[in-house]
Amino acid sequence: MKNKLTAIVGGLLLALLMASMDNTIVSTSIGTIVGEMGGLDKFVWVTTAYMVAEMACMPIFGKLSDMYGRKRFFIFGIIVFMIGSALCGMAQSIVELSFYRAVQGVGAGAMVSITFTILFDVMPPKDRGKMMGAFGAVFGLSSVVGPLLGGYITDHLNWSWIFYINLPLGFIALLLIAAFYKESAAHSRQKIDWAGSVLLIGAVVCFIFGLELGGKTYAWDSLQIIGLFAGFAILAFLLVLIEKKAEEPIISFSLFRSRLYTTSNLVAMLSGAAYMTAAIFIPIYVQGVLGGSASNSGLTLLPMMVGSVVTATLGGFLMTKLQYRTIMIGTLAMLLTGLALLSQITVESTRLSITGIMILIGLGIGASFSVLSTAVLHSFPAAQRGAASATLNFNRSLGMALGITIFGIVQSHSLLSKLTESLGKGDIAVPADLNLSDPHSLLNPALRQSVDPQLLDAITAGLSGSIGSTFAWSVIPAGLALIAAFLMTRDTMDPAAESEEYATAH
């Protein structure tokens, strides 16, 4: 029995790592890919296609797993993900790569939405806490490991191997789950909510593409972006109407009658939005203000990764001893404090001080990956856990996407304002090919050596000030997440109460 559980857990861990890591693994490789294929104007689709497909499919596969069983859809997800990975590695154009990334995203949506549910089903109640901690650590770890691994593989092998590496890992996960996971929970076969599925996919596509393309490919007030957001609003409205009347809705709004479930989803969304500011802007700060290399700036996230692994694991152990809300209040207070400290960074800030703050932020976000994944399943029967877990992962991903977009706009506008103020007198010459509103264009090492020292000082001060201001704004969702944690119920994970259900199912 122990060896069987170990095999299942190993397969689930591999699947979760692959699906989560591929969200970010192309970020450090996209420059090389575009340089080889061309299509600079379409590169945003490479990451957006994966994100849209994954998010749209999470609630669908979560619900289907409740209705027809976890194993078949989890294995389907692994196979589709592997097919998408193989096709990505063979892509000959950015358009092809974007399409194949969407195929990957469909598989990832199935794997991520079902992983925690299978773990909850097969793991004895007394061990669920520590295993949820381990899985939460992997979930948090992947957001940092992805870019680092992608950069290393691109530099030392070929960019296609960031996708091919999924094939042996996926094959191992497939064998382990197929051979050792035996479906045991009862499932009710119901009519598939096709209307809800189509409306959900359409709403997610409109919303995410609106966020990704707005301010980059098209202006925010352009007809295209306004149309995308209008489409989202209409489809979301219709979705709510349809789902309230559906016999077996894809999104079970009845789950939100549970206060613990609702507040856990709210905490996940808000903390995800706040956390992404550190993950995105600290590397930019290190490279653009402190003068670090691209690889060194990425390594700056390692202390945050270590901190998140610590509290994700520790949160899993503490769930049987402390209330969910107590753990979340304590850790989110650290996240809030860390972001508040980052709002004070200047050009004089040291790497040591930044490292200390990053550890604090990691400690602040880690528990959310394990504790919330367990809290949303609390008190729900096996037949509803797939939908419950999938909705949490959807809302966390949505929060992160919103955080990247909203705070990216805040930072860009603040940077342009500060640089316009500094350079407005006309005393400093600005090269015609320098885009002052784009922080990434200001990180080129060659730029730092070629431009006028006064211009470099102005750019450095502008980056520092704008990033500090952005962190000040990110305190708002972090503070709201902390307030939501106070509103969580006083439940704890009770292995004894769940033992009877586990014994009956096994």
Protein backbone atom coordinates (compact mmCIF):
# COMPACT_ATOMS: atom_id res chain seq x y z
CA MET A 1 0.00 0.00 0.00
CA LYS A 2 2.81 2.39 0.90
CA ASN A 3 4.69 1.71 -2.36
CA LYS A 4 1.46 2.20 -4.31
CA LEU A 5 0.84 5.57 -2.67
CA THR A 6 4.44 6.61 -3.28
CA ALA A 7 4.06 5.82 -6.98
CA ILE A 8 0.80 7.78 -7.26
CA VAL A 9 2.27 10.76 -5.42
CA GLY A 10 5.34 10.68 -7.67
CA GLY A 11 3.16 10.73 -10.78
CA LEU A 12 1.05 13.60 -9.44
CA LEU A 13 4.13 15.63 -8.47
CA LEU A 14 5.67 15.24 -11.92
CA ALA A 15 2.43 16.25 -13.63
CA LEU A 16 1.93 19.30 -11.41
CA LEU A 17 5.55 20.40 -11.84
CA MET A 18 5.35 20.16 -15.64
CA ALA A 19 2.02 21.97 -15.96
CA SER A 20 2.89 24.76 -13.52
CA MET A 21 6.44 25.26 -14.80
CA ASP A 22 5.39 25.57 -18.45
CA ASN A 23 3.44 28.69 -17.54
CA THR A 24 6.75 30.54 -17.17
CA ILE A 25 9.46 28.40 -18.77
CA VAL A 26 9.38 30.24 -22.11
CA SER A 27 9.79 33.69 -20.53
CA THR A 28 13.61 33.65 -20.63
CA SER A 29 13.73 31.85 -24.00
CA ILE A 30 11.34 33.98 -26.01
CA GLY A 31 14.10 36.31 -27.25
CA THR A 32 16.01 33.37 -28.74
CA ILE A 33 12.84 31.85 -30.21
CA VAL A 34 11.81 35.13 -31.86
CA GLY A 35 15.36 35.67 -33.12
CA GLU A 36 15.24 32.30 -34.87
CA MET A 37 11.63 32.30 -36.11
CA GLY A 38 10.77 35.97 -36.45
CA GLY A 39 7.30 37.17 -35.55
CA LEU A 40 8.21 39.74 -32.91
CA ASP A 41 4.75 41.26 -33.24
CA LYS A 42 3.14 37.92 -32.28
CA PHE A 43 5.40 36.64 -29.49
CA VAL A 44 2.87 37.56 -26.77
CA TRP A 45 0.62 34.80 -28.13
CA VAL A 46 3.16 32.15 -27.10
CA THR A 47 2.49 32.71 -23.40
CA THR A 48 -1.11 33.92 -23.73
CA ALA A 49 -2.30 30.86 -25.68
CA TYR A 50 -1.10 28.54 -22.92
CA MET A 51 -2.60 30.66 -20.15
CA VAL A 52 -5.98 31.05 -21.87
CA ALA A 53 -6.32 27.35 -22.66
CA GLU A 54 -5.26 26.27 -19.17
CA MET A 55 -7.55 28.67 -17.33
CA ALA A 56 -10.55 27.97 -19.57
CA CYS A 57 -10.18 24.21 -19.16
CA MET A 58 -9.60 24.10 -15.38
CA PRO A 59 -13.26 24.40 -14.27
CA ILE A 60 -14.44 22.16 -17.12
CA PHE A 61 -12.11 19.26 -16.34
CA GLY A 62 -12.62 19.72 -12.61
CA LYS A 63 -16.37 19.29 -13.05
CA LEU A 64 -16.03 16.42 -15.52
CA SER A 65 -13.76 14.57 -13.10
CA ASP A 66 -16.51 14.79 -10.47
CA MET A 67 -19.06 13.42 -12.91
CA TYR A 68 -17.12 10.68 -14.70
CA GLY A 69 -14.02 9.96 -12.62
CA ARG A 70 -10.60 11.52 -12.11
CA LYS A 71 -8.29 8.96 -13.73
CA ARG A 72 -9.52 9.13 -17.31
CA PHE A 73 -9.32 12.92 -17.49
CA PHE A 74 -5.99 13.11 -15.70
CA ILE A 75 -4.45 10.61 -18.12
CA PHE A 76 -6.10 12.48 -21.00
CA GLY A 77 -4.45 15.68 -19.72
CA ILE A 78 -0.98 14.08 -19.58
CA ILE A 79 -1.30 12.68 -23.10
CA VAL A 80 -2.54 15.97 -24.58
CA PHE A 81 0.20 17.87 -22.73
CA MET A 82 2.88 15.53 -24.12
CA ILE A 83 1.50 15.83 -27.66
CA GLY A 84 1.46 19.62 -27.34
CA SER A 85 5.04 19.60 -25.98
CA ALA A 86 6.31 17.48 -28.89
CA LEU A 87 4.59 19.74 -31.41
CA CYS A 88 5.98 22.89 -29.72
CA GLY A 89 9.51 21.55 -30.07
CA MET A 90 8.96 21.00 -33.81
CA ALA A 91 7.21 24.32 -34.49
CA GLN A 92 8.50 26.30 -37.48
CA SER A 93 6.80 29.64 -36.82
CA ILE A 94 5.48 31.75 -33.97
CA VAL A 95 1.91 31.10 -35.12
CA GLU A 96 2.47 27.33 -35.06
CA LEU A 97 4.17 27.52 -31.68
CA SER A 98 1.29 29.57 -30.24
CA PHE A 99 -1.27 27.04 -31.49
CA TYR A 100 0.67 24.12 -30.03
CA ARG A 101 1.05 26.00 -26.75
CA ALA A 102 -2.75 26.13 -26.60
CA VAL A 103 -2.78 22.33 -26.98
CA GLN A 104 -0.33 22.14 -24.07
CA GLY A 105 -2.61 24.43 -22.08
CA VAL A 106 -5.60 22.12 -22.52
CA GLY A 107 -3.58 19.25 -21.06
CA ALA A 108 -2.28 21.44 -18.23
CA GLY A 109 -5.81 22.55 -17.37
CA ALA A 110 -6.81 18.92 -16.85
CA MET A 111 -3.74 18.04 -14.79
CA VAL A 112 -3.72 21.07 -12.47
CA SER A 113 -7.46 20.97 -11.82
CA ILE A 114 -7.43 17.28 -10.80
CA THR A 115 -4.04 16.80 -9.09
CA PHE A 116 -4.99 18.03 -5.61
CA THR A 117 -8.32 16.19 -5.78
CA ILE A 118 -6.68 12.83 -6.53
CA LEU A 119 -4.19 13.44 -3.73
CA PHE A 120 -7.03 14.16 -1.32
CA ASP A 121 -8.85 11.00 -2.44
CA VAL A 122 -5.94 8.55 -2.13
CA MET A 123 -4.03 9.92 0.86
CA PRO A 124 -5.02 8.75 4.37
CA PRO A 125 -6.45 11.68 6.36
CA LYS A 126 -3.57 11.68 8.85
CA ASP A 127 -1.06 12.25 6.02
CA ARG A 128 -3.02 14.73 3.92
CA GLY A 129 -1.64 17.81 5.62
CA LYS A 130 2.04 17.10 5.04
CA MET A 131 1.41 15.91 1.47
CA MET A 132 -0.62 19.01 0.66
CA GLY A 133 2.35 20.95 2.00
CA ALA A 134 4.74 19.15 -0.34
CA PHE A 135 2.47 19.72 -3.35
CA GLY A 136 1.98 23.35 -2.42
CA ALA A 137 5.76 23.76 -2.28
CA VAL A 138 6.08 22.32 -5.81
CA PHE A 139 3.33 24.63 -7.05
CA GLY A 140 5.15 27.69 -5.66
CA LEU A 141 8.57 26.42 -6.70
CA SER A 142 7.57 26.09 -10.34
CA SER A 143 7.00 29.84 -10.82
CA VAL A 144 10.69 30.49 -10.11
CA VAL A 145 12.27 27.31 -11.48
CA GLY A 146 10.52 27.71 -14.86
CA PRO A 147 12.36 30.85 -16.04
CA LEU A 148 15.71 29.66 -14.62
CA LEU A 149 15.47 26.24 -16.26
CA GLY A 150 14.24 27.73 -19.51
CA GLY A 151 17.20 30.09 -19.66
CA TYR A 152 19.71 27.36 -18.84
CA ILE A 153 18.35 24.92 -21.46
CA THR A 154 18.24 27.64 -24.12
CA ASP A 155 21.84 28.68 -23.41
CA HIS A 156 23.34 25.17 -23.26
CA LEU A 157 21.12 23.03 -25.52
CA ASN A 158 18.39 24.36 -27.79
CA TRP A 159 15.13 26.14 -27.00
CA SER A 160 13.12 23.16 -28.30
CA TRP A 161 14.33 21.12 -25.31
CA ILE A 162 12.31 23.27 -22.90
CA PHE A 163 9.37 21.37 -24.45
CA TYR A 164 10.98 18.00 -25.20
CA ILE A 165 11.97 17.61 -21.54
CA ASN A 166 8.27 17.10 -20.80
CA LEU A 167 8.15 13.88 -22.83
CA PRO A 168 10.16 11.56 -20.52
CA LEU A 169 8.69 13.23 -17.42
CA GLY A 170 5.17 12.93 -18.79
CA PHE A 171 5.70 9.31 -19.79
CA ILE A 172 6.83 8.43 -16.26
CA ALA A 173 3.84 10.25 -14.73
CA LEU A 174 1.50 8.49 -17.16
CA LEU A 175 2.84 5.04 -16.28
CA LEU A 176 2.68 5.67 -12.54
CA ILE A 177 -0.91 6.94 -12.56
CA ALA A 178 -2.16 4.36 -15.06
CA ALA A 179 -0.62 1.44 -13.16
CA PHE A 180 -1.18 2.38 -9.53
CA TYR A 181 -4.15 4.76 -9.23
CA LYS A 182 -7.41 2.86 -8.87
CA GLU A 183 -10.56 4.93 -8.98
CA SER A 184 -12.57 4.36 -5.82
CA ALA A 185 -14.98 7.25 -5.34
CA ALA A 186 -18.55 7.02 -6.62
CA HIS A 187 -19.46 9.34 -9.46
CA SER A 188 -22.83 10.41 -10.81
CA ARG A 189 -23.22 10.52 -14.56
CA GLN A 190 -25.02 13.72 -15.47
CA LYS A 191 -25.74 15.71 -18.60
CA ILE A 192 -22.74 17.78 -19.72
CA ASP A 193 -23.33 21.52 -19.54
CA TRP A 194 -22.19 22.37 -23.09
CA ALA A 195 -23.66 25.89 -23.06
CA GLY A 196 -21.83 26.75 -19.85
CA SER A 197 -18.58 25.30 -21.21
CA VAL A 198 -18.72 27.35 -24.41
CA LEU A 199 -19.61 30.57 -22.57
CA LEU A 200 -16.84 30.02 -20.00
CA ILE A 201 -14.19 29.44 -22.67
CA GLY A 202 -15.37 32.49 -24.63
CA ALA A 203 -15.36 34.74 -21.56
CA VAL A 204 -11.87 33.65 -20.50
CA VAL A 205 -10.49 34.08 -24.04
CA CYS A 206 -11.89 37.62 -24.32
CA PHE A 207 -10.71 38.65 -20.86
CA ILE A 208 -7.15 37.28 -21.01
CA PHE A 209 -6.50 38.47 -24.56
CA GLY A 210 -7.84 41.88 -23.59
CA LEU A 211 -5.36 42.03 -20.71
CA GLU A 212 -2.44 40.70 -22.74
CA LEU A 213 -2.93 42.78 -25.90
CA GLY A 214 -4.07 46.00 -24.24
CA GLY A 215 -1.38 48.67 -24.11
CA LYS A 216 0.99 46.50 -26.16
CA THR A 217 -0.42 45.41 -29.50
CA TYR A 218 -3.41 47.77 -29.27
CA ALA A 219 -4.15 50.90 -27.24
CA TRP A 220 -6.41 50.43 -24.23
CA ASP A 221 -9.07 52.66 -25.79
CA SER A 222 -8.88 50.93 -29.18
CA LEU A 223 -11.92 49.27 -30.71
CA GLN A 224 -10.23 45.84 -30.46
CA ILE A 225 -9.60 46.00 -26.70
CA ILE A 226 -12.94 47.60 -25.88
CA GLY A 227 -14.59 44.89 -27.98
CA LEU A 228 -12.75 42.11 -26.12
CA PHE A 229 -13.79 43.44 -22.71
CA ALA A 230 -17.35 44.03 -23.90
CA GLY A 231 -17.41 40.45 -25.17
CA PHE A 232 -16.17 39.25 -21.79
CA ALA A 233 -18.88 41.19 -19.93
CA ILE A 234 -21.67 39.86 -22.16
CA LEU A 235 -20.45 36.25 -22.08
CA ALA A 236 -19.88 36.36 -18.30
CA PHE A 237 -23.41 37.71 -17.76
CA LEU A 238 -24.88 34.97 -19.93
CA LEU A 239 -22.74 32.38 -18.14
CA VAL A 240 -24.16 33.35 -14.75
CA LEU A 241 -27.71 33.14 -16.09
CA ILE A 242 -27.13 29.75 -17.73
CA GLU A 243 -25.28 28.23 -14.78
CA LYS A 244 -28.00 29.17 -12.29
CA LYS A 245 -30.51 27.13 -14.29
CA ALA A 246 -28.23 24.30 -15.46
CA GLU A 247 -28.93 20.81 -14.14
CA GLU A 248 -25.21 20.12 -13.62
CA PRO A 249 -23.37 23.44 -14.06
CA ILE A 250 -19.70 23.62 -15.03
CA ILE A 251 -19.24 26.31 -12.37
CA SER A 252 -21.09 25.28 -9.23
CA PHE A 253 -22.12 28.58 -7.66
CA SER A 254 -23.67 26.60 -4.81
CA LEU A 255 -20.15 25.92 -3.54
CA PHE A 256 -19.81 29.61 -2.70
CA ARG A 257 -22.46 29.25 -0.02
CA SER A 258 -19.59 27.96 2.13
CA ARG A 259 -17.87 30.92 3.78
CA LEU A 260 -14.59 29.06 4.07
CA TYR A 261 -14.66 28.19 0.37
CA THR A 262 -15.53 31.74 -0.73
CA THR A 263 -12.94 33.47 1.44
CA SER A 264 -10.25 30.94 0.46
CA ASN A 265 -10.83 31.73 -3.22
CA LEU A 266 -10.74 35.45 -2.47
CA VAL A 267 -7.46 35.12 -0.57
CA ALA A 268 -5.94 33.10 -3.41
CA MET A 269 -6.87 35.66 -6.05
CA LEU A 270 -5.74 38.73 -4.09
CA SER A 271 -2.51 37.25 -2.73
CA GLY A 272 -1.65 35.91 -6.20
CA ALA A 273 -1.99 39.40 -7.68
CA ALA A 274 0.20 40.93 -4.97
CA TYR A 275 2.84 38.18 -5.11
CA MET A 276 3.38 38.55 -8.86
CA THR A 277 4.67 42.10 -8.43
CA ALA A 278 7.73 40.79 -6.60
CA ALA A 279 8.24 37.94 -9.08
CA ILE A 280 8.10 40.33 -12.06
CA PHE A 281 9.70 43.58 -10.86
CA ILE A 282 12.52 42.49 -8.56
CA PRO A 283 14.52 40.95 -11.47
CA ILE A 284 13.92 44.19 -13.43
CA TYR A 285 15.15 46.21 -10.43
CA VAL A 286 18.29 44.10 -9.99
CA GLN A 287 19.18 44.27 -13.66
CA GLY A 288 18.17 47.86 -14.38
CA VAL A 289 19.09 49.59 -11.11
CA LEU A 290 21.79 47.46 -9.48
CA GLY A 291 23.38 46.52 -12.81
CA GLY A 292 23.10 42.74 -12.53
CA SER A 293 23.05 40.40 -15.50
CA ALA A 294 19.87 38.76 -16.76
CA SER A 295 20.80 35.42 -15.21
CA ASN A 296 21.80 36.99 -11.89
CA SER A 297 18.56 38.97 -11.75
CA GLY A 298 16.62 35.72 -12.14
CA LEU A 299 18.60 34.11 -9.35
CA THR A 300 17.43 36.92 -7.07
CA LEU A 301 14.12 35.06 -6.89
CA LEU A 302 15.73 32.00 -5.31
CA PRO A 303 15.45 33.35 -1.72
CA MET A 304 11.74 33.92 -2.32
CA MET A 305 11.46 30.38 -3.64
CA VAL A 306 13.15 28.97 -0.54
CA GLY A 307 10.83 30.96 1.72
CA SER A 308 7.72 29.78 -0.13
CA VAL A 309 8.81 26.13 0.09
CA VAL A 310 9.34 26.49 3.85
CA THR A 311 5.86 27.85 4.64
CA ALA A 312 4.09 25.68 2.06
CA THR A 313 5.56 22.62 3.76
CA LEU A 314 5.14 23.97 7.29
CA GLY A 315 1.55 25.01 6.55
CA GLY A 316 0.79 21.44 5.54
CA PHE A 317 2.04 20.12 8.88
CA LEU A 318 0.25 22.80 10.92
CA MET A 319 -3.20 22.37 9.33
CA THR A 320 -4.15 19.63 11.82
CA LYS A 321 -3.05 21.75 14.77
CA LEU A 322 -4.04 25.29 13.84
CA GLN A 323 -7.03 26.85 12.11
CA TYR A 324 -6.66 27.53 8.39
CA ARG A 325 -7.28 31.22 9.07
CA THR A 326 -4.59 31.40 11.77
CA ILE A 327 -1.94 30.09 9.39
CA MET A 328 -3.05 32.40 6.58
CA ILE A 329 -3.25 35.48 8.81
CA GLY A 330 0.29 34.93 10.07
CA THR A 331 1.83 34.33 6.65
CA LEU A 332 -0.12 37.02 4.80
CA ALA A 333 1.05 39.54 7.41
CA MET A 334 4.59 38.68 6.30
CA LEU A 335 3.64 39.14 2.64
CA LEU A 336 2.12 42.53 3.42
CA THR A 337 5.19 43.59 5.41
CA GLY A 338 7.57 42.44 2.67
CA LEU A 339 5.74 44.40 -0.05
CA ALA A 340 5.59 47.47 2.20
CA LEU A 341 9.37 47.24 2.67
CA LEU A 342 9.88 46.89 -1.09
CA SER A 343 7.95 50.12 -1.62
CA GLN A 344 10.88 51.87 0.11
CA ILE A 345 13.63 50.60 -2.19
CA THR A 346 15.91 53.19 -3.79
CA VAL A 347 19.02 53.24 -5.96
CA GLU A 348 21.03 52.90 -2.73
CA SER A 349 19.32 49.68 -1.63
CA THR A 350 21.67 46.71 -1.29
CA ARG A 351 21.38 43.20 -2.63
CA LEU A 352 21.52 41.90 0.95
CA SER A 353 18.48 43.94 1.99
CA ILE A 354 16.59 42.86 -1.14
CA THR A 355 17.43 39.22 -0.41
CA GLY A 356 16.07 39.51 3.13
CA ILE A 357 12.82 41.04 1.88
CA MET A 358 12.44 38.37 -0.80
CA ILE A 359 12.73 35.64 1.85
CA LEU A 360 10.00 37.40 3.83
CA ILE A 361 7.70 37.55 0.78
CA GLY A 362 8.35 33.88 0.04
CA LEU A 363 7.41 33.00 3.60
CA GLY A 364 4.29 35.11 3.16
CA ILE A 365 2.98 33.43 0.02
CA GLY A 366 4.04 29.79 0.50
CA ALA A 367 1.26 28.65 2.82
CA SER A 368 -1.41 29.78 0.36
CA PHE A 369 -0.35 27.03 -2.05
CA SER A 370 -0.95 24.24 0.47
CA VAL A 371 -3.40 25.58 3.07
CA LEU A 372 -5.91 27.08 0.63
CA SER A 373 -5.79 23.98 -1.58
CA THR A 374 -6.94 22.00 1.44
CA ALA A 375 -9.35 24.57 2.87
CA VAL A 376 -11.47 24.66 -0.33
CA LEU A 377 -11.99 20.89 -0.09
CA HIS A 378 -12.99 21.04 3.57
CA SER A 379 -16.45 19.55 4.23
CA PHE A 380 -17.19 18.85 0.54
CA PRO A 381 -17.90 15.24 -0.50
CA ALA A 382 -15.73 13.51 -3.11
CA ALA A 383 -18.30 14.22 -5.84
CA GLN A 384 -17.69 17.99 -5.55
CA ARG A 385 -13.96 18.17 -4.87
CA GLY A 386 -12.90 18.35 -8.50
CA ALA A 387 -14.97 21.46 -9.14
CA ALA A 388 -13.90 23.01 -5.82
CA SER A 389 -10.18 22.51 -6.46
CA ALA A 390 -10.39 23.61 -10.10
CA THR A 391 -12.17 26.85 -9.20
CA LEU A 392 -9.46 27.74 -6.66
CA ASN A 393 -6.69 27.17 -9.21
CA PHE A 394 -8.65 29.19 -11.77
CA ASN A 395 -9.06 32.13 -9.40
CA ARG A 396 -5.41 32.02 -8.32
CA SER A 397 -4.29 32.07 -11.97
CA LEU A 398 -6.75 34.87 -12.71
CA GLY A 399 -5.37 36.91 -9.82
CA MET A 400 -1.81 36.45 -11.06
CA ALA A 401 -2.80 37.47 -14.60
CA LEU A 402 -4.55 40.56 -13.26
CA GLY A 403 -1.55 41.41 -11.09
CA ILE A 404 0.89 41.17 -14.00
CA THR A 405 -1.28 43.38 -16.21
CA ILE A 406 -2.51 46.00 -13.76
CA PHE A 407 0.80 46.53 -11.99
CA GLY A 408 2.62 46.43 -15.32
CA ILE A 409 0.48 49.39 -16.40
CA VAL A 410 1.12 51.18 -13.10
CA GLN A 411 4.90 50.72 -13.37
CA SER A 412 5.04 51.72 -17.03
CA HIS A 413 3.06 54.93 -16.48
CA SER A 414 5.06 55.81 -13.37
CA LEU A 415 8.35 55.22 -15.21
CA LEU A 416 7.33 57.38 -18.17
CA SER A 417 6.17 60.14 -15.83
CA LYS A 418 9.41 60.15 -13.84
CA LEU A 419 11.61 60.05 -16.95
CA THR A 420 9.59 62.79 -18.65
CA GLU A 421 10.02 64.94 -15.55
CA SER A 422 13.77 64.24 -15.35
CA LEU A 423 14.49 64.71 -19.06
CA GLY A 424 11.92 67.40 -19.80
CA LYS A 425 14.42 70.25 -19.66
CA GLY A 426 16.17 68.93 -22.76
CA ASP A 427 19.65 69.04 -21.25
CA ILE A 428 20.17 65.31 -21.82
CA ALA A 429 20.08 63.77 -25.30
CA VAL A 430 17.82 60.72 -25.63
CA PRO A 431 18.58 58.21 -28.45
CA ALA A 432 15.74 57.94 -30.97
CA ASP A 433 15.54 54.14 -30.63
CA LEU A 434 15.14 54.21 -26.83
CA ASN A 435 11.59 53.50 -25.62
CA LEU A 436 11.35 55.25 -22.26
CA SER A 437 7.98 53.68 -21.38
CA ASP A 438 9.23 50.10 -21.74
CA PRO A 439 11.33 48.92 -18.77
CA HIS A 440 12.69 45.93 -20.69
CA SER A 441 14.23 48.17 -23.35
CA LEU A 442 16.18 49.91 -20.58
CA LEU A 443 17.86 46.72 -19.34
CA ASN A 444 20.20 46.14 -22.28
CA PRO A 445 23.81 45.92 -20.95
CA ALA A 446 25.08 47.63 -24.11
CA LEU A 447 22.80 50.56 -23.34
CA ARG A 448 24.35 51.05 -19.93
CA GLN A 449 27.78 51.38 -21.51
CA SER A 450 26.85 53.56 -24.49
CA VAL A 451 24.44 56.21 -23.22
CA ASP A 452 25.33 59.48 -21.56
CA PRO A 453 26.07 58.94 -17.82
CA GLN A 454 23.47 61.56 -16.92
CA LEU A 455 20.85 59.71 -18.96
CA LEU A 456 21.83 56.43 -17.31
CA ASP A 457 21.43 58.04 -13.88
CA ALA A 458 17.99 59.34 -14.85
CA ILE A 459 16.94 55.93 -16.16
CA THR A 460 18.20 54.20 -13.03
CA ALA A 461 16.42 56.65 -10.74
CA GLY A 462 13.23 56.37 -12.84
CA LEU A 463 13.25 52.58 -12.71
CA SER A 464 13.88 52.56 -8.98
CA GLY A 465 11.18 55.12 -8.23
CA SER A 466 8.57 53.54 -10.50
CA ILE A 467 9.16 50.04 -9.15
CA GLY A 468 8.97 51.33 -5.57
CA SER A 469 5.66 53.05 -6.38
CA THR A 470 4.32 49.86 -7.92
CA PHE A 471 5.11 47.91 -4.77
CA ALA A 472 3.28 50.56 -2.76
CA TRP A 473 0.16 49.90 -4.87
CA SER A 474 0.58 46.13 -4.50
CA VAL A 475 0.12 46.57 -0.74
CA ILE A 476 -3.60 47.08 -1.47
CA PRO A 477 -4.41 43.53 -2.70
CA ALA A 478 -2.06 42.11 -0.06
CA GLY A 479 -3.96 44.00 2.64
CA LEU A 480 -7.33 42.91 1.21
CA ALA A 481 -6.11 39.30 1.19
CA LEU A 482 -5.23 39.64 4.87
CA ILE A 483 -8.69 41.04 5.64
CA ALA A 484 -10.27 38.13 3.73
CA ALA A 485 -8.20 35.71 5.81
CA PHE A 486 -9.70 37.20 8.98
CA LEU A 487 -13.15 36.43 7.50
CA MET A 488 -12.34 32.72 7.06
CA THR A 489 -14.12 30.32 9.41
CA ARG A 490 -12.31 28.78 12.38
CA ASP A 491 -12.13 25.30 10.88
CA THR A 492 -9.09 23.06 11.12
CA MET A 493 -8.18 19.96 9.18
CA ASP A 494 -9.63 17.05 11.16
CA PRO A 495 -8.18 13.69 10.03
CA ALA A 496 -10.36 11.76 12.48
CA ALA A 497 -13.59 13.11 10.99
CA GLU A 498 -12.45 12.17 7.46
CA SER A 499 -11.18 8.69 8.33
CA GLU A 500 -14.61 7.06 8.06
CA GLU A 501 -15.17 8.36 4.53
CA TYR A 502 -11.66 7.26 3.50
CA ALA A 503 -12.15 3.78 4.99
CA THR A 504 -15.48 3.39 3.17
CA ALA A 505 -13.98 4.45 -0.18
CA HIS A 506 -10.95 2.19 0.18
